[in-house]
Amino acid sequence: YILQDRLRCLNAETLRCLVEHYERQGWLRRVEQCILHLDVKTLDVGELAKICLSHNLASALIYVYNTGLDDYTTPLSHLFTALS
């Protein structure tokens, strides 16, 4: 439903369970795909950023900061730190 844009928002507990389930399955790229389809402004951006950082989901991190906070520099600093 998420990837088909039929479900655009989740509560924090549901998102956490989704991430845990996909992590156990080894499907973290699928989590990233899901995040890219969610309406970030309806979610806890801080929690979502932590998920992206802890699982190295670069595209989702950029999407969360750009869409949720109109912040274009913070994700770059995180990515540069991760690269060094």
Foldseek 3Di string as FASTA:
>chain_A
DLLVLPDADDEPVVLVVVCVVCVVVVNVVVNLSSLLSHQLLRYDLVVQLVSCLVVVSLVSNQVSCCRNPVDRVVSVVSVVVVVD
